[in-house]
């Protein structure tokens, strides 16, 4: 049985304030995936997002990445997604601090034993 959900955020770019979002229907067997790798390519009409899992350790960039999901969307949808992701990231950083994307700046050296 599908589960209907309604998003509480109506502050998406290009959407009038107070506008209701359409309900979304999620299939009962919907399985989330985890990704730590994303590749963005495209054509003049569509944007292609590939998601996968990189098992490479730091210092071994030659390990293959296994792509498990591909999203293809038009650029209008991509721009709305970009706005929604930006809003979500701003909220996260406001609550928990800046998200450092350069791993070298996040890794804390452990003292030698």
Protein backbone atom coordinates (compact mmCIF):
# COMPACT_ATOMS: atom_id res chain seq x y z
CA UNK A 1 0.00 0.00 0.00
CA UNK A 2 1.33 3.45 -0.92
CA UNK A 3 1.85 6.03 1.79
CA UNK A 4 0.91 9.63 1.09
CA UNK A 5 3.15 12.32 2.54
CA UNK A 6 3.00 16.09 2.41
CA UNK A 7 6.04 18.30 2.62
CA UNK A 8 5.80 21.16 5.09
CA UNK A 9 8.17 23.44 3.18
CA UNK A 10 6.60 25.81 0.69
CA UNK A 11 9.62 28.13 0.50
CA UNK A 12 11.00 26.66 -2.71
CA UNK A 13 12.44 28.99 -5.35
CA UNK A 14 9.88 29.92 -7.97
CA UNK A 15 6.94 28.86 -5.77
CA UNK A 16 4.68 31.57 -4.34
CA UNK A 17 4.77 31.85 -0.54
CA UNK A 18 1.98 29.83 1.02
CA UNK A 19 1.45 27.69 -2.09
CA UNK A 20 0.52 24.11 -1.26
CA UNK A 21 2.82 21.39 -2.48
CA UNK A 22 1.13 18.50 -4.24
CA UNK A 23 0.95 15.30 -2.18
CA UNK A 24 3.57 12.66 -2.91
CA UNK A 25 2.88 8.96 -3.02
CA UNK A 26 5.57 6.60 -1.82
CA UNK A 27 5.36 2.92 -2.75
CA UNK A 28 5.29 0.50 0.19
CA UNK A 29 8.52 -1.18 -0.99
CA UNK A 30 10.50 2.04 -1.44
CA UNK A 31 14.12 1.32 -0.53
CA UNK A 32 16.51 4.16 0.30
CA UNK A 33 20.03 4.01 -1.08
CA UNK A 34 23.21 5.40 0.40
CA UNK A 35 25.58 7.30 -1.84
CA UNK A 36 28.92 8.93 -1.22
CA UNK A 37 29.63 9.60 -4.89
CA UNK A 38 27.75 11.65 -7.46
CA UNK A 39 28.59 12.38 -11.08
CA UNK A 40 26.79 15.09 -13.05
CA UNK A 41 26.65 14.97 -16.85
CA UNK A 42 24.05 16.04 -19.33
CA UNK A 43 22.79 16.91 -22.76
CA UNK A 44 21.36 20.23 -23.97
CA UNK A 45 17.90 19.01 -22.88
CA UNK A 46 18.53 16.90 -19.77
CA UNK A 47 20.71 16.65 -16.71
CA UNK A 48 21.98 13.20 -15.72
CA UNK A 49 22.91 12.43 -12.11
CA UNK A 50 24.66 9.15 -11.36
CA UNK A 51 24.90 7.99 -7.75
CA UNK A 52 27.08 5.25 -6.38
CA UNK A 53 29.25 3.96 -3.62
CA UNK A 54 32.97 4.61 -3.55
CA UNK A 55 34.86 2.18 -1.37
CA UNK A 56 38.21 3.84 -2.06
CA UNK A 57 40.27 4.71 0.96
CA UNK A 58 42.12 7.99 1.11
CA UNK A 59 45.09 7.76 -1.21
CA UNK A 60 43.66 5.12 -3.58
CA UNK A 61 41.72 7.10 -6.20
CA UNK A 62 41.94 4.28 -8.80
CA UNK A 63 39.35 2.09 -7.04
CA UNK A 64 36.22 1.74 -9.21
CA UNK A 65 32.95 3.37 -8.18
CA UNK A 66 29.84 1.22 -8.57
CA UNK A 67 26.97 3.34 -9.93
CA UNK A 68 23.67 2.09 -8.51
CA UNK A 69 21.16 4.77 -9.48
CA UNK A 70 20.73 7.24 -12.34
CA UNK A 71 18.35 10.21 -12.37
CA UNK A 72 17.56 11.95 -15.63
CA UNK A 73 15.66 15.24 -15.42
CA UNK A 74 15.05 18.39 -17.38
CA UNK A 75 16.88 21.57 -16.39
CA UNK A 76 13.76 23.16 -14.86
CA UNK A 77 13.41 20.27 -12.42
CA UNK A 78 17.16 20.37 -11.79
CA UNK A 79 16.98 24.06 -10.89
CA UNK A 80 14.14 23.41 -8.43
CA UNK A 81 16.18 20.56 -6.92
CA UNK A 82 19.22 22.86 -6.67
CA UNK A 83 17.12 25.42 -4.76
CA UNK A 84 15.67 22.80 -2.41
CA UNK A 85 19.11 21.30 -1.72
CA UNK A 86 20.55 24.77 -1.09
CA UNK A 87 17.80 25.54 1.41
CA UNK A 88 18.32 22.22 3.20
CA UNK A 89 22.10 22.75 3.37
CA UNK A 90 21.69 26.30 4.71
CA UNK A 91 19.43 25.01 7.47
CA UNK A 92 21.90 22.24 8.34
CA UNK A 93 24.83 24.67 8.52
CA UNK A 94 22.82 27.17 10.54
CA UNK A 95 22.06 24.47 13.09
CA UNK A 96 25.35 22.56 13.16
CA UNK A 97 28.07 24.67 11.54
CA UNK A 98 29.78 24.77 8.17
CA UNK A 99 30.01 21.51 6.24
CA UNK A 100 33.63 21.22 5.10
CA UNK A 101 33.76 19.35 1.79
CA UNK A 102 37.55 19.10 1.61
CA UNK A 103 38.36 15.91 3.50
CA UNK A 104 41.88 17.03 4.37
CA UNK A 105 40.40 19.84 6.46
CA UNK A 106 38.02 17.47 8.28
CA UNK A 107 40.43 14.71 9.21
CA UNK A 108 42.00 15.14 12.64
CA UNK A 109 45.49 13.69 12.99
CA UNK A 110 45.74 11.06 15.70
CA UNK A 111 48.73 11.22 18.06
CA UNK A 112 51.39 8.56 17.49
CA UNK A 113 51.34 5.72 20.00
